[in-house]
């Protein structure tokens, strides 16, 4: 029973760390595009 609990615990901790990490990477890319790339090509 202990090993099953450890596997389930590890799975949920991994999911809880992976999802925010992916969102942070997407946020950094979006912020870069918004702050650096967008001013290079202003709207007409």
C-alpha atoms as a PDB file:
ATOM      1  CA  UNK A   1       0.000   0.000   0.000  1.00  0.00           C
ATOM      2  CA  UNK A   2       2.826   2.372   0.790  1.00  0.00           C
ATOM      3  CA  UNK A   3       4.402   2.072  -2.653  1.00  0.00           C
ATOM      4  CA  UNK A   4       1.048   2.726  -4.355  1.00  0.00           C
ATOM      5  CA  UNK A   5       0.599   5.844  -2.258  1.00  0.00           C
ATOM      6  CA  UNK A   6       4.115   6.961  -3.185  1.00  0.00           C
ATOM      7  CA  UNK A   7       3.409   6.490  -6.901  1.00  0.00           C
ATOM      8  CA  UNK A   8       0.139   8.433  -6.721  1.00  0.00           C
ATOM      9  CA  UNK A   9       1.783  11.181  -4.634  1.00  0.00           C
ATOM     10  CA  UNK A  10       4.677  11.466  -7.093  1.00  0.00           C
ATOM     11  CA  UNK A  11       2.280  11.647 -10.040  1.00  0.00           C
ATOM     12  CA  UNK A  12       0.267  14.507  -8.542  1.00  0.00           C
ATOM     13  CA  UNK A  13       3.347  16.436  -7.455  1.00  0.00           C
ATOM     14  CA  UNK A  14       4.759  16.063 -10.975  1.00  0.00           C
ATOM     15  CA  UNK A  15       1.485  17.285 -12.509  1.00  0.00           C
ATOM     16  CA  UNK A  16       1.364  20.193 -10.067  1.00  0.00           C
ATOM     17  CA  UNK A  17       4.897  21.223 -11.075  1.00  0.00           C
ATOM     18  CA  UNK A  18       4.693  20.629 -14.829  1.00  0.00           C
ATOM     19  CA  UNK A  19       1.519  22.611 -15.529  1.00  0.00           C
ATOM     20  CA  UNK A  20       2.690  25.873 -13.888  1.00  0.00           C
ATOM     21  CA  UNK A  21       6.116  25.466 -15.463  1.00  0.00           C
ATOM     22  CA  UNK A  22       4.584  25.255 -18.937  1.00  0.00           C
ATOM     23  CA  UNK A  23       2.416  28.287 -18.202  1.00  0.00           C
ATOM     24  CA  UNK A  24       5.463  30.270 -17.037  1.00  0.00           C
ATOM     25  CA  UNK A  25       7.349  29.450 -20.243  1.00  0.00           C
ATOM     26  CA  UNK A  26       4.342  30.500 -22.355  1.00  0.00           C
ATOM     27  CA  UNK A  27       4.058  33.708 -20.323  1.00  0.00           C
ATOM     28  CA  UNK A  28       7.725  34.539 -20.826  1.00  0.00           C
ATOM     29  CA  UNK A  29       7.437  33.988 -24.578  1.00  0.00           C
ATOM     30  CA  UNK A  30       4.251  36.082 -24.766  1.00  0.00           C
ATOM     31  CA  UNK A  31       5.868  38.863 -22.729  1.00  0.00           C
ATOM     32  CA  UNK A  32       8.910  38.865 -24.982  1.00  0.00           C
ATOM     33  CA  UNK A  33       6.749  39.104 -28.090  1.00  0.00           C
ATOM     34  CA  UNK A  34       4.655  41.862 -26.545  1.00  0.00           C
ATOM     35  CA  UNK A  35       7.558  43.969 -25.239  1.00  0.00           C
ATOM     36  CA  UNK A  36      10.297  43.351 -27.820  1.00  0.00           C
ATOM     37  CA  UNK A  37       8.831  42.179 -31.126  1.00  0.00           C
ATOM     38  CA  UNK A  38       5.603  44.204 -31.231  1.00  0.00           C
ATOM     39  CA  UNK A  39       7.303  47.646 -30.986  1.00  0.00           C
ATOM     40  CA  UNK A  40       9.464  46.765 -34.003  1.00  0.00           C
ATOM     41  CA  UNK A  41       6.373  46.500 -36.196  1.00  0.00           C
ATOM     42  CA  UNK A  42       4.024  49.307 -35.128  1.00  0.00           C
ATOM     43  CA  UNK A  43       0.489  49.487 -36.420  1.00  0.00           C
ATOM     44  CA  UNK A  44      -0.005  51.861 -39.298  1.00  0.00           C
END
